[in-house]
Amino acid sequence: MSFLNDLKKQADQLRAGQGVDLAAQQARMQATEQACQMTFKYWVDLCAQLDVLQPLARGRYVFDSKAAFDGCRLTSFRPDIRKRTLNGQQVTDHVALNCDIRTGQAVSLTKDFITDIERLERRLLQGSVQCSPRQVRDPDTNKLIEVCYEFVADMQAGVRLKPDHDAATVQFTIDNLEGLGRWVIAFPAADVNVPLLDELAKWLAGQPNEFARRGKVLELREC
């Protein structure tokens, strides 16, 4: 065998390996896209039903011992899907299902300890509550005396699916479905099917479910 023929053999082997890698990558991308599209179609139908039913959230929404809300109703369900370009192809960037938690209750709180200020502001941020804190300072020393918070306790909740096409996995981020807090739960894209989405729908409908148990919990944060 000539040197050139040896090079041709090595190149052919490399091409074959690259072809296998590309086929596997394409298969992972297709499986992930299928999970995204299935989820979005399911959520479009689910939102139409939940928007009529307006289920009660199971949790208690606590900003402060003087501002806590039970029996909050979820309303204005809306699905969304966004795209991006990956390796020259249009793929899903994320899928979202958002809703509102409207109490209509005006709240006025004053905090003068740093830990209390930080805790309240974390809860406001987690709930996507519109609030412009007002600082009260000593006119002579400029030292912070207290911070005043006035807001309407209307919040947002929802679920966001973020795919990883290279790994063929998806992450669901669940915000404020049973109190102010966040879950991040990962699944193989191939595990996303109607029974799994049904478990998540139960969560959105304020019912017991096994969604978190079926995946890998990456984060659980209560505010």
N, C-alpha and C. Protein backbone atom coordinates (compact mmCIF):
# COMPACT_ATOMS: atom_id res chain seq x y z
N MET A 1 0.86 -1.19 0.00
CA MET A 1 0.00 0.00 0.00
C MET A 1 0.90 1.25 0.00
N SER A 2 0.59 2.15 -0.92
CA SER A 2 1.37 3.38 -1.01
C SER A 2 1.01 4.30 0.16
N PHE A 3 1.88 5.27 0.38
CA PHE A 3 1.64 6.25 1.44
C PHE A 3 0.34 7.00 1.19
N LEU A 4 0.09 7.34 -0.08
CA LEU A 4 -1.14 8.07 -0.41
C LEU A 4 -2.37 7.23 -0.09
N ASN A 5 -2.32 5.94 -0.43
CA ASN A 5 -3.45 5.07 -0.12
C ASN A 5 -3.68 4.95 1.38
N ASP A 6 -2.56 4.96 2.14
CA ASP A 6 -2.69 4.92 3.60
C ASP A 6 -3.37 6.17 4.13
N LEU A 7 -3.01 7.32 3.55
CA LEU A 7 -3.66 8.57 3.94
C LEU A 7 -5.14 8.55 3.60
N LYS A 8 -5.48 8.00 2.42
CA LYS A 8 -6.89 7.91 2.02
C LYS A 8 -7.68 7.04 3.01
N LYS A 9 -7.07 5.94 3.46
CA LYS A 9 -7.74 5.05 4.40
C LYS A 9 -8.00 5.77 5.72
N GLN A 10 -6.98 6.50 6.20
CA GLN A 10 -7.14 7.24 7.45
C GLN A 10 -8.22 8.31 7.32
N ALA A 11 -8.23 9.00 6.17
CA ALA A 11 -9.22 10.05 5.95
C ALA A 11 -10.63 9.47 5.88
N ASP A 12 -10.77 8.31 5.23
CA ASP A 12 -12.09 7.67 5.12
C ASP A 12 -12.60 7.26 6.50
N GLN A 13 -11.71 6.75 7.34
CA GLN A 13 -12.11 6.37 8.69
C GLN A 13 -12.55 7.60 9.50
N LEU A 14 -11.82 8.69 9.31
CA LEU A 14 -12.18 9.92 10.03
C LEU A 14 -13.52 10.46 9.54
N ARG A 15 -13.74 10.41 8.23
CA ARG A 15 -15.03 10.88 7.69
C ARG A 15 -16.18 10.04 8.22
N ALA A 16 -15.95 8.74 8.29
CA ALA A 16 -17.01 7.86 8.80
C ALA A 16 -17.33 8.18 10.25
N GLY A 17 -16.27 8.43 11.04
CA GLY A 17 -16.50 8.79 12.43
C GLY A 17 -17.22 10.11 12.57
N GLN A 18 -16.85 11.07 11.74
CA GLN A 18 -17.52 12.37 11.79
C GLN A 18 -18.98 12.24 11.39
N GLY A 19 -19.25 11.35 10.42
CA GLY A 19 -20.64 11.14 10.01
C GLY A 19 -21.48 10.57 11.13
N VAL A 20 -20.90 9.64 11.90
CA VAL A 20 -21.61 9.07 13.04
C VAL A 20 -21.87 10.14 14.09
N ASP A 21 -20.85 10.98 14.35
CA ASP A 21 -21.00 12.05 15.34
C ASP A 21 -22.08 13.03 14.92
N LEU A 22 -22.11 13.40 13.64
CA LEU A 22 -23.11 14.34 13.15
C LEU A 22 -24.51 13.75 13.23
N ALA A 23 -24.62 12.46 12.92
CA ALA A 23 -25.93 11.80 12.98
C ALA A 23 -26.42 11.75 14.43
N ALA A 24 -25.51 11.46 15.36
CA ALA A 24 -25.90 11.41 16.77
C ALA A 24 -26.29 12.80 17.26
N GLN A 25 -25.55 13.81 16.85
CA GLN A 25 -25.87 15.19 17.24
C GLN A 25 -27.23 15.60 16.69
N GLN A 26 -27.50 15.23 15.45
CA GLN A 26 -28.79 15.56 14.85
C GLN A 26 -29.93 14.84 15.56
N ALA A 27 -29.69 13.61 15.98
CA ALA A 27 -30.72 12.86 16.70
C ALA A 27 -31.01 13.50 18.05
N ARG A 28 -29.96 13.95 18.73
CA ARG A 28 -30.17 14.63 20.02
C ARG A 28 -30.95 15.93 19.83
N MET A 29 -30.62 16.66 18.77
CA MET A 29 -31.31 17.92 18.50
C MET A 29 -32.78 17.67 18.19
N GLN A 30 -33.06 16.64 17.40
CA GLN A 30 -34.45 16.34 17.03
C GLN A 30 -35.26 15.91 18.25
N ALA A 31 -34.65 15.09 19.12
CA ALA A 31 -35.36 14.65 20.33
C ALA A 31 -35.67 15.83 21.23
N THR A 32 -34.73 16.76 21.33
CA THR A 32 -34.94 17.93 22.18
C THR A 32 -36.00 18.85 21.60
N GLU A 33 -35.96 19.05 20.29
CA GLU A 33 -36.98 19.88 19.64
C GLU A 33 -38.36 19.26 19.77
N GLN A 34 -38.43 17.94 19.67
CA GLN A 34 -39.73 17.28 19.82
C GLN A 34 -40.30 17.54 21.21
N ALA A 35 -39.44 17.49 22.23
CA ALA A 35 -39.88 17.77 23.60
C ALA A 35 -40.38 19.20 23.73
N CYS A 36 -39.69 20.13 23.10
CA CYS A 36 -40.10 21.54 23.18
C CYS A 36 -41.43 21.78 22.48
N GLN A 37 -41.57 21.24 21.28
CA GLN A 37 -42.80 21.46 20.52
C GLN A 37 -43.99 20.79 21.18
N MET A 38 -43.79 19.58 21.72
CA MET A 38 -44.86 18.90 22.42
C MET A 38 -45.31 19.70 23.63
N THR A 39 -44.33 20.24 24.37
CA THR A 39 -44.65 21.02 25.56
C THR A 39 -45.42 22.28 25.18
N PHE A 40 -44.99 22.96 24.15
CA PHE A 40 -45.68 24.20 23.77
C PHE A 40 -47.11 23.92 23.34
N LYS A 41 -47.33 22.91 22.52
CA LYS A 41 -48.69 22.58 22.08
C LYS A 41 -49.57 22.20 23.27
N TYR A 42 -49.00 21.43 24.19
CA TYR A 42 -49.75 21.05 25.40
C TYR A 42 -50.11 22.28 26.20
N TRP A 43 -49.16 23.19 26.37
CA TRP A 43 -49.39 24.39 27.17
C TRP A 43 -50.40 25.34 26.52
N VAL A 44 -50.43 25.40 25.21
CA VAL A 44 -51.43 26.24 24.54
C VAL A 44 -52.83 25.77 24.92
N ASP A 45 -53.04 24.47 24.86
CA ASP A 45 -54.35 23.90 25.23
C ASP A 45 -54.61 24.05 26.73
N LEU A 46 -53.58 23.79 27.53
CA LEU A 46 -53.73 23.88 28.98
C LEU A 46 -54.10 25.30 29.42
N CYS A 47 -53.44 26.29 28.84
CA CYS A 47 -53.73 27.68 29.22
C CYS A 47 -55.18 28.05 28.95
N ALA A 48 -55.72 27.55 27.85
CA ALA A 48 -57.11 27.86 27.52
C ALA A 48 -58.06 27.32 28.59
N GLN A 49 -57.74 26.18 29.16
CA GLN A 49 -58.60 25.60 30.20
C GLN A 49 -58.39 26.29 31.55
N LEU A 50 -57.13 26.49 31.92
CA LEU A 50 -56.84 27.09 33.22
C LEU A 50 -57.30 28.54 33.29
N ASP A 51 -57.30 29.21 32.15
CA ASP A 51 -57.74 30.60 32.15
C ASP A 51 -59.22 30.71 32.51
N VAL A 52 -59.97 29.67 32.21
CA VAL A 52 -61.39 29.63 32.60
C VAL A 52 -61.54 29.17 34.05
N LEU A 53 -60.79 28.15 34.42
CA LEU A 53 -60.93 27.56 35.76
C LEU A 53 -60.34 28.45 36.86
N GLN A 54 -59.27 29.18 36.54
CA GLN A 54 -58.60 30.05 37.52
C GLN A 54 -58.39 29.32 38.85
N PRO A 55 -57.51 28.33 38.85
CA PRO A 55 -57.32 27.50 40.05
C PRO A 55 -56.69 28.29 41.20
N LEU A 56 -56.87 27.75 42.40
CA LEU A 56 -56.25 28.34 43.58
C LEU A 56 -54.88 27.72 43.80
N ALA A 57 -53.89 28.55 44.04
CA ALA A 57 -52.56 28.06 44.36
C ALA A 57 -52.58 27.39 45.73
N ARG A 58 -51.75 26.35 45.90
CA ARG A 58 -51.75 25.59 47.14
C ARG A 58 -50.99 26.30 48.25
N GLY A 59 -50.04 27.14 47.89
CA GLY A 59 -49.14 27.69 48.88
C GLY A 59 -49.62 28.98 49.52
N ARG A 60 -48.78 29.48 50.44
CA ARG A 60 -49.02 30.74 51.13
C ARG A 60 -47.94 31.72 50.67
N TYR A 61 -48.36 32.90 50.28
CA TYR A 61 -47.44 33.89 49.73
C TYR A 61 -47.11 34.91 50.82
N VAL A 62 -45.89 34.84 51.31
CA VAL A 62 -45.48 35.61 52.48
C VAL A 62 -44.43 36.65 52.10
N PHE A 63 -44.76 37.91 52.30
CA PHE A 63 -43.78 38.99 52.19
C PHE A 63 -43.25 39.37 53.56
N ASP A 64 -44.12 39.23 54.55
CA ASP A 64 -43.82 39.64 55.92
C ASP A 64 -44.90 39.02 56.80
N SER A 65 -44.64 38.96 58.10
CA SER A 65 -45.65 38.41 59.01
C SER A 65 -46.95 39.21 58.95
N LYS A 66 -46.86 40.47 58.54
CA LYS A 66 -48.04 41.32 58.42
C LYS A 66 -48.61 41.34 57.00
N ALA A 67 -47.94 40.65 56.10
CA ALA A 67 -48.40 40.64 54.70
C ALA A 67 -48.23 39.23 54.14
N ALA A 68 -49.19 38.37 54.42
CA ALA A 68 -49.18 36.99 53.94
C ALA A 68 -50.55 36.67 53.35
N PHE A 69 -50.56 35.90 52.25
CA PHE A 69 -51.80 35.70 51.50
C PHE A 69 -52.03 34.22 51.22
N ASP A 70 -53.22 33.76 51.57
CA ASP A 70 -53.63 32.38 51.30
C ASP A 70 -54.74 32.38 50.25
N GLY A 71 -54.95 31.20 49.65
CA GLY A 71 -56.04 31.06 48.70
C GLY A 71 -55.92 31.97 47.50
N CYS A 72 -54.72 32.17 47.02
CA CYS A 72 -54.51 33.06 45.87
C CYS A 72 -54.92 32.38 44.58
N ARG A 73 -55.59 33.11 43.73
CA ARG A 73 -56.09 32.56 42.48
C ARG A 73 -55.12 32.87 41.34
N LEU A 74 -54.87 31.87 40.51
CA LEU A 74 -54.00 32.05 39.34
C LEU A 74 -54.86 32.43 38.14
N THR A 75 -54.45 33.48 37.43
CA THR A 75 -55.24 33.99 36.31
C THR A 75 -54.33 34.36 35.14
N SER A 76 -54.96 34.68 34.02
CA SER A 76 -54.26 35.21 32.83
C SER A 76 -53.13 34.29 32.38
N PHE A 77 -53.45 33.04 32.14
CA PHE A 77 -52.46 32.07 31.68
C PHE A 77 -52.09 32.35 30.22
N ARG A 78 -50.80 32.33 29.92
CA ARG A 78 -50.34 32.65 28.57
C ARG A 78 -49.09 31.85 28.21
N PRO A 79 -49.13 31.14 27.09
CA PRO A 79 -47.95 30.38 26.64
C PRO A 79 -47.07 31.24 25.74
N ASP A 80 -45.81 30.86 25.63
CA ASP A 80 -44.87 31.60 24.78
C ASP A 80 -43.77 30.64 24.34
N ILE A 81 -43.23 30.87 23.16
CA ILE A 81 -42.10 30.10 22.66
C ILE A 81 -41.18 31.04 21.90
N ARG A 82 -39.89 30.88 22.10
CA ARG A 82 -38.89 31.72 21.42
C ARG A 82 -37.86 30.83 20.73
N LYS A 83 -37.33 31.34 19.62
CA LYS A 83 -36.39 30.57 18.81
C LYS A 83 -35.00 31.21 18.81
N ARG A 84 -34.02 30.42 18.41
CA ARG A 84 -32.67 30.92 18.19
C ARG A 84 -32.01 30.06 17.11
N THR A 85 -30.84 30.47 16.67
CA THR A 85 -30.11 29.72 15.65
C THR A 85 -29.01 28.90 16.30
N LEU A 86 -28.96 27.61 15.96
CA LEU A 86 -27.92 26.71 16.46
C LEU A 86 -27.39 25.89 15.31
N ASN A 87 -26.10 26.03 15.04
CA ASN A 87 -25.46 25.29 13.94
C ASN A 87 -26.21 25.49 12.62
N GLY A 88 -26.65 26.73 12.40
CA GLY A 88 -27.33 27.06 11.16
C GLY A 88 -28.78 26.65 11.09
N GLN A 89 -29.32 26.13 12.18
CA GLN A 89 -30.72 25.70 12.21
C GLN A 89 -31.50 26.49 13.24
N GLN A 90 -32.78 26.69 12.97
CA GLN A 90 -33.68 27.34 13.92
C GLN A 90 -34.15 26.31 14.95
N VAL A 91 -33.85 26.59 16.21
CA VAL A 91 -34.26 25.69 17.29
C VAL A 91 -34.95 26.51 18.37
N THR A 92 -35.53 25.83 19.33
CA THR A 92 -36.22 26.49 20.43
C THR A 92 -35.21 27.02 21.45
N ASP A 93 -35.33 28.29 21.79
CA ASP A 93 -34.52 28.85 22.86
C ASP A 93 -35.16 28.54 24.22
N HIS A 94 -36.47 28.76 24.32
CA HIS A 94 -37.18 28.40 25.54
C HIS A 94 -38.68 28.38 25.27
N VAL A 95 -39.39 27.70 26.14
CA VAL A 95 -40.86 27.67 26.13
C VAL A 95 -41.31 28.13 27.51
N ALA A 96 -42.33 28.95 27.57
CA ALA A 96 -42.77 29.49 28.85
C ALA A 96 -44.29 29.43 28.99
N LEU A 97 -44.72 29.29 30.22
CA LEU A 97 -46.14 29.41 30.57
C LEU A 97 -46.19 30.34 31.78
N ASN A 98 -46.77 31.49 31.60
CA ASN A 98 -46.82 32.49 32.67
C ASN A 98 -48.27 32.75 33.08
N CYS A 99 -48.43 33.18 34.33
CA CYS A 99 -49.75 33.56 34.81
C CYS A 99 -49.60 34.60 35.91
N ASP A 100 -50.71 35.20 36.29
CA ASP A 100 -50.72 36.25 37.31
C ASP A 100 -51.36 35.74 38.60
N ILE A 101 -50.89 36.30 39.71
CA ILE A 101 -51.50 36.06 41.01
C ILE A 101 -51.93 37.44 41.51
N ARG A 102 -53.18 37.71 41.45
CA ARG A 102 -53.68 39.06 41.78
C ARG A 102 -54.46 39.02 43.10
N THR A 103 -53.90 39.68 44.11
CA THR A 103 -54.63 39.82 45.37
C THR A 103 -55.33 41.17 45.45
N GLY A 104 -54.80 42.16 44.74
CA GLY A 104 -55.36 43.51 44.79
C GLY A 104 -55.15 44.21 46.12
N GLN A 105 -54.35 43.62 47.00
CA GLN A 105 -54.16 44.15 48.34
C GLN A 105 -52.98 45.13 48.38
N ALA A 106 -53.24 46.34 48.84
CA ALA A 106 -52.18 47.32 49.03
C ALA A 106 -51.43 47.01 50.32
N VAL A 107 -50.11 47.05 50.25
CA VAL A 107 -49.26 46.71 51.40
C VAL A 107 -48.31 47.86 51.67
N SER A 108 -48.14 48.18 52.94
CA SER A 108 -47.18 49.20 53.36
C SER A 108 -46.33 48.63 54.49
N LEU A 109 -45.02 48.52 54.24
CA LEU A 109 -44.11 47.93 55.22
C LEU A 109 -42.90 48.85 55.42
N THR A 110 -42.36 48.82 56.61
CA THR A 110 -41.16 49.59 56.93
C THR A 110 -40.14 48.67 57.56
N LYS A 111 -38.91 48.69 57.05
CA LYS A 111 -37.85 47.83 57.56
C LYS A 111 -36.64 48.69 57.95
N ASP A 112 -36.04 48.33 59.10
CA ASP A 112 -34.88 49.10 59.54
C ASP A 112 -33.66 48.23 59.85
N PHE A 113 -33.77 46.90 59.60
CA PHE A 113 -32.63 46.02 59.74
C PHE A 113 -32.21 45.50 58.37
N ILE A 114 -30.92 45.43 58.12
CA ILE A 114 -30.42 45.01 56.81
C ILE A 114 -30.94 43.63 56.43
N THR A 115 -30.92 42.70 57.36
CA THR A 115 -31.39 41.34 57.04
C THR A 115 -32.86 41.34 56.64
N ASP A 116 -33.68 42.14 57.32
CA ASP A 116 -35.10 42.22 56.98
C ASP A 116 -35.30 42.89 55.62
N ILE A 117 -34.50 43.91 55.35
CA ILE A 117 -34.57 44.59 54.04
C ILE A 117 -34.21 43.62 52.92
N GLU A 118 -33.14 42.89 53.09
CA GLU A 118 -32.69 41.95 52.06
C GLU A 118 -33.71 40.85 51.85
N ARG A 119 -34.28 40.34 52.94
CA ARG A 119 -35.28 39.27 52.82
C ARG A 119 -36.51 39.74 52.06
N LEU A 120 -37.02 40.91 52.41
CA LEU A 120 -38.20 41.43 51.74
C LEU A 120 -37.92 41.71 50.27
N GLU A 121 -36.77 42.27 49.97
CA GLU A 121 -36.47 42.59 48.58
C GLU A 121 -36.28 41.33 47.74
N ARG A 122 -35.77 40.26 48.33
CA ARG A 122 -35.69 38.98 47.62
C ARG A 122 -37.09 38.48 47.27
N ARG A 123 -38.00 38.61 48.22
CA ARG A 123 -39.37 38.15 47.98
C ARG A 123 -40.08 38.99 46.94
N LEU A 124 -39.87 40.29 46.97
CA LEU A 124 -40.46 41.16 45.95
C LEU A 124 -39.93 40.82 44.57
N LEU A 125 -38.62 40.58 44.49
CA LEU A 125 -38.01 40.24 43.20
C LEU A 125 -38.52 38.89 42.71
N GLN A 126 -38.60 37.91 43.60
CA GLN A 126 -39.08 36.59 43.21
C GLN A 126 -40.51 36.66 42.70
N GLY A 127 -41.33 37.49 43.31
CA GLY A 127 -42.72 37.60 42.89
C GLY A 127 -42.98 38.55 41.74
N SER A 128 -41.90 39.19 41.24
CA SER A 128 -42.03 40.20 40.17
C SER A 128 -43.03 41.29 40.56
N VAL A 129 -42.93 41.72 41.82
CA VAL A 129 -43.83 42.75 42.35
C VAL A 129 -43.28 44.13 42.02
N GLN A 130 -44.15 45.00 41.54
CA GLN A 130 -43.75 46.37 41.22
C GLN A 130 -43.68 47.19 42.51
N CYS A 131 -42.48 47.67 42.83
CA CYS A 131 -42.30 48.43 44.07
C CYS A 131 -41.07 49.33 43.93
N SER A 132 -41.18 50.56 44.40
CA SER A 132 -40.05 51.49 44.44
C SER A 132 -39.79 51.86 45.89
N PRO A 133 -38.84 51.18 46.54
CA PRO A 133 -38.57 51.45 47.96
C PRO A 133 -38.12 52.90 48.17
N ARG A 134 -38.51 53.43 49.31
CA ARG A 134 -38.12 54.81 49.67
C ARG A 134 -37.24 54.77 50.91
N GLN A 135 -36.02 55.25 50.76
CA GLN A 135 -35.08 55.28 51.88
C GLN A 135 -35.27 56.53 52.73
N VAL A 136 -35.23 56.34 54.03
CA VAL A 136 -35.30 57.46 54.97
C VAL A 136 -33.93 57.54 55.65
N ARG A 137 -33.27 58.70 55.52
CA ARG A 137 -31.92 58.87 56.06
C ARG A 137 -31.88 60.04 57.05
N ASP A 138 -30.94 59.94 57.95
CA ASP A 138 -30.72 61.03 58.91
C ASP A 138 -30.22 62.25 58.14
N PRO A 139 -30.88 63.41 58.32
CA PRO A 139 -30.48 64.60 57.55
C PRO A 139 -29.08 65.11 57.88
N ASP A 140 -28.58 64.78 59.03
CA ASP A 140 -27.25 65.27 59.43
C ASP A 140 -26.14 64.30 59.04
N THR A 141 -26.36 63.01 59.25
CA THR A 141 -25.30 62.02 59.01
C THR A 141 -25.49 61.24 57.72
N ASN A 142 -26.67 61.33 57.13
CA ASN A 142 -27.01 60.56 55.94
C ASN A 142 -27.08 59.05 56.22
N LYS A 143 -27.11 58.70 57.49
CA LYS A 143 -27.21 57.30 57.85
C LYS A 143 -28.61 56.78 57.57
N LEU A 144 -28.68 55.58 57.01
CA LEU A 144 -29.97 54.98 56.70
C LEU A 144 -30.73 54.67 57.98
N ILE A 145 -31.94 55.19 58.08
CA ILE A 145 -32.79 54.95 59.24
C ILE A 145 -33.75 53.79 58.98
N GLU A 146 -34.40 53.82 57.82
CA GLU A 146 -35.35 52.77 57.47
C GLU A 146 -35.65 52.84 55.99
N VAL A 147 -36.30 51.79 55.51
CA VAL A 147 -36.75 51.74 54.12
C VAL A 147 -38.23 51.45 54.11
N CYS A 148 -38.98 52.26 53.37
CA CYS A 148 -40.43 52.12 53.29
C CYS A 148 -40.81 51.46 51.97
N TYR A 149 -41.70 50.49 52.07
CA TYR A 149 -42.16 49.75 50.89
C TYR A 149 -43.67 49.88 50.78
N GLU A 150 -44.13 50.36 49.65
CA GLU A 150 -45.55 50.41 49.37
C GLU A 150 -45.80 49.76 48.02
N PHE A 151 -46.66 48.75 48.02
CA PHE A 151 -46.89 48.01 46.78
C PHE A 151 -48.24 47.30 46.85
N VAL A 152 -48.72 46.91 45.70
CA VAL A 152 -49.90 46.06 45.60
C VAL A 152 -49.39 44.63 45.44
N ALA A 153 -49.89 43.72 46.24
CA ALA A 153 -49.38 42.35 46.28
C ALA A 153 -49.92 41.52 45.11
N ASP A 154 -49.62 41.98 43.90
CA ASP A 154 -49.92 41.22 42.69
C ASP A 154 -48.61 40.63 42.18
N MET A 155 -48.61 39.34 41.92
CA MET A 155 -47.38 38.62 41.59
C MET A 155 -47.51 37.90 40.26
N GLN A 156 -46.41 37.30 39.85
CA GLN A 156 -46.40 36.46 38.66
C GLN A 156 -45.87 35.08 39.03
N ALA A 157 -46.38 34.08 38.33
CA ALA A 157 -45.94 32.70 38.52
C ALA A 157 -45.81 32.06 37.15
N GLY A 158 -45.23 30.88 37.11
CA GLY A 158 -45.15 30.20 35.83
C GLY A 158 -44.06 29.15 35.76
N VAL A 159 -43.90 28.64 34.54
CA VAL A 159 -42.94 27.58 34.26
C VAL A 159 -42.17 27.96 32.99
N ARG A 160 -40.89 27.66 32.99
CA ARG A 160 -40.05 27.94 31.83
C ARG A 160 -39.23 26.69 31.50
N LEU A 161 -39.34 26.23 30.26
CA LEU A 161 -38.55 25.09 29.80
C LEU A 161 -37.36 25.62 29.02
N LYS A 162 -36.16 25.20 29.43
CA LYS A 162 -34.93 25.60 28.74
C LYS A 162 -34.25 24.34 28.22
N PRO A 163 -34.11 24.20 26.90
CA PRO A 163 -33.52 22.98 26.35
C PRO A 163 -32.00 23.08 26.20
N ASP A 164 -31.35 21.93 26.28
CA ASP A 164 -29.94 21.79 25.92
C ASP A 164 -29.87 20.78 24.79
N HIS A 165 -29.81 21.29 23.55
CA HIS A 165 -29.88 20.41 22.39
C HIS A 165 -28.66 19.50 22.27
N ASP A 166 -27.51 19.95 22.71
CA ASP A 166 -26.30 19.12 22.61
C ASP A 166 -26.37 17.92 23.55
N ALA A 167 -26.96 18.10 24.71
CA ALA A 167 -27.05 17.03 25.70
C ALA A 167 -28.38 16.29 25.64
N ALA A 168 -29.33 16.80 24.85
CA ALA A 168 -30.68 16.21 24.76
C ALA A 168 -31.35 16.16 26.13
N THR A 169 -31.28 17.30 26.84
CA THR A 169 -31.93 17.42 28.14
C THR A 169 -32.73 18.72 28.17
N VAL A 170 -33.64 18.81 29.12
CA VAL A 170 -34.41 20.03 29.32
C VAL A 170 -34.47 20.33 30.82
N GLN A 171 -34.54 21.62 31.14
CA GLN A 171 -34.73 22.05 32.52
C GLN A 171 -36.02 22.84 32.62
N PHE A 172 -36.84 22.48 33.61
CA PHE A 172 -38.05 23.21 33.92
C PHE A 172 -37.79 24.07 35.15
N THR A 173 -37.99 25.37 35.02
CA THR A 173 -37.91 26.28 36.16
C THR A 173 -39.33 26.66 36.56
N ILE A 174 -39.71 26.33 37.78
CA ILE A 174 -41.07 26.55 38.27
C ILE A 174 -41.03 27.64 39.33
N ASP A 175 -41.72 28.73 39.08
CA ASP A 175 -41.70 29.88 39.98
C ASP A 175 -43.08 30.12 40.60
N ASN A 176 -43.09 30.17 41.93
CA ASN A 176 -44.21 30.72 42.71
C ASN A 176 -45.53 29.97 42.53
N LEU A 177 -45.48 28.68 42.32
CA LEU A 177 -46.74 27.93 42.18
C LEU A 177 -47.32 27.52 43.52
N GLU A 178 -46.51 27.49 44.56
CA GLU A 178 -47.05 27.22 45.89
C GLU A 178 -46.25 28.03 46.91
N GLY A 179 -46.43 29.34 46.83
CA GLY A 179 -45.66 30.27 47.64
C GLY A 179 -44.51 30.85 46.84
N LEU A 180 -43.86 31.83 47.41
CA LEU A 180 -42.74 32.48 46.74
C LEU A 180 -41.52 31.56 46.78
N GLY A 181 -41.12 31.06 45.65
CA GLY A 181 -39.98 30.16 45.60
C GLY A 181 -39.77 29.61 44.21
N ARG A 182 -38.67 28.90 44.04
CA ARG A 182 -38.28 28.39 42.72
C ARG A 182 -37.80 26.95 42.82
N TRP A 183 -38.26 26.14 41.86
CA TRP A 183 -37.74 24.80 41.63
C TRP A 183 -37.07 24.80 40.26
N VAL A 184 -35.94 24.10 40.14
CA VAL A 184 -35.34 23.82 38.83
C VAL A 184 -35.18 22.31 38.75
N ILE A 185 -35.83 21.70 37.75
CA ILE A 185 -35.89 20.25 37.65
C ILE A 185 -35.49 19.83 36.24
N ALA A 186 -34.55 18.90 36.14
CA ALA A 186 -34.02 18.47 34.84
C ALA A 186 -34.56 17.10 34.44
N PHE A 187 -34.73 16.92 33.12
CA PHE A 187 -35.18 15.65 32.56
C PHE A 187 -34.44 15.38 31.26
N PRO A 188 -34.21 14.12 30.92
CA PRO A 188 -33.82 13.80 29.55
C PRO A 188 -34.96 14.22 28.61
N ALA A 189 -34.60 14.73 27.46
CA ALA A 189 -35.64 15.19 26.52
C ALA A 189 -36.60 14.05 26.17
N ALA A 190 -36.08 12.83 26.10
CA ALA A 190 -36.92 11.68 25.74
C ALA A 190 -37.98 11.39 26.79
N ASP A 191 -37.81 11.89 28.02
CA ASP A 191 -38.79 11.64 29.09
C ASP A 191 -39.97 12.60 29.05
N VAL A 192 -39.89 13.62 28.21
CA VAL A 192 -40.97 14.60 28.13
C VAL A 192 -42.09 14.03 27.28
N ASN A 193 -43.19 13.67 27.94
CA ASN A 193 -44.33 13.09 27.25
C ASN A 193 -45.61 13.59 27.93
N VAL A 194 -46.74 13.16 27.44
CA VAL A 194 -48.01 13.64 27.97
C VAL A 194 -48.19 13.28 29.44
N PRO A 195 -47.88 12.06 29.88
CA PRO A 195 -48.02 11.77 31.32
C PRO A 195 -47.18 12.70 32.20
N LEU A 196 -45.96 13.02 31.76
CA LEU A 196 -45.13 13.93 32.55
C LEU A 196 -45.74 15.33 32.57
N LEU A 197 -46.19 15.80 31.41
CA LEU A 197 -46.80 17.13 31.33
C LEU A 197 -48.11 17.18 32.11
N ASP A 198 -48.80 16.05 32.21
CA ASP A 198 -50.01 15.99 33.04
C ASP A 198 -49.67 16.25 34.51
N GLU A 199 -48.55 15.69 34.97
CA GLU A 199 -48.15 15.91 36.36
C GLU A 199 -47.85 17.39 36.61
N LEU A 200 -47.20 18.03 35.64
CA LEU A 200 -46.93 19.46 35.77
C LEU A 200 -48.22 20.26 35.72
N ALA A 201 -49.17 19.83 34.89
CA ALA A 201 -50.46 20.51 34.82
C ALA A 201 -51.20 20.43 36.15
N LYS A 202 -51.07 19.30 36.84
CA LYS A 202 -51.67 19.19 38.17
C LYS A 202 -51.07 20.23 39.12
N TRP A 203 -49.78 20.43 39.02
CA TRP A 203 -49.10 21.42 39.86
C TRP A 203 -49.67 22.81 39.57
N LEU A 204 -49.80 23.13 38.30
CA LEU A 204 -50.37 24.43 37.92
C LEU A 204 -51.82 24.57 38.35
N ALA A 205 -52.52 23.46 38.42
CA ALA A 205 -53.92 23.49 38.83
C ALA A 205 -54.09 23.42 40.34
N GLY A 206 -52.98 23.46 41.08
CA GLY A 206 -53.05 23.45 42.54
C GLY A 206 -53.37 22.11 43.13
N GLN A 207 -53.01 21.02 42.41
CA GLN A 207 -53.31 19.67 42.88
C GLN A 207 -52.02 18.91 43.19
N PRO A 208 -52.10 17.89 44.05
CA PRO A 208 -50.92 17.06 44.32
C PRO A 208 -50.40 16.44 43.03
N ASN A 209 -49.08 16.29 42.95
CA ASN A 209 -48.48 15.77 41.72
C ASN A 209 -47.12 15.14 42.04
N GLU A 210 -46.58 14.44 41.04
CA GLU A 210 -45.29 13.78 41.19
C GLU A 210 -44.27 14.31 40.20
N PHE A 211 -44.48 15.52 39.72
CA PHE A 211 -43.58 16.05 38.70
C PHE A 211 -42.13 16.11 39.19
N ALA A 212 -41.92 16.70 40.35
CA ALA A 212 -40.54 16.86 40.86
C ALA A 212 -39.89 15.50 41.11
N ARG A 213 -40.66 14.52 41.56
CA ARG A 213 -40.10 13.20 41.86
C ARG A 213 -39.62 12.49 40.61
N ARG A 214 -40.16 12.83 39.47
CA ARG A 214 -39.81 12.13 38.24
C ARG A 214 -38.53 12.68 37.60
N GLY A 215 -38.07 13.83 38.04
CA GLY A 215 -36.87 14.42 37.46
C GLY A 215 -35.77 14.55 38.48
N LYS A 216 -34.74 15.28 38.11
CA LYS A 216 -33.60 15.56 38.99
C LYS A 216 -33.70 17.00 39.46
N VAL A 217 -33.92 17.20 40.74
CA VAL A 217 -34.06 18.55 41.28
C VAL A 217 -32.67 19.18 41.39
N LEU A 218 -32.46 20.25 40.62
CA LEU A 218 -31.19 20.96 40.63
C LEU A 218 -31.18 22.11 41.61
N GLU A 219 -32.36 22.66 41.86
CA GLU A 219 -32.45 23.81 42.78
C GLU A 219 -33.83 23.83 43.43
N LEU A 220 -33.84 24.14 44.70
CA LEU A 220 -35.08 24.37 45.43
C LEU A 220 -34.84 25.53 46.36
N ARG A 221 -35.48 26.66 46.05
CA ARG A 221 -35.24 27.87 46.82
C ARG A 221 -36.56 28.46 47.28
N GLU A 222 -36.71 28.57 48.57
CA GLU A 222 -37.88 29.22 49.15
C GLU A 222 -37.47 30.58 49.66
N CYS A 223 -38.26 31.61 49.35
CA CYS A 223 -37.91 32.96 49.74
C CYS A 223 -38.53 33.31 51.09
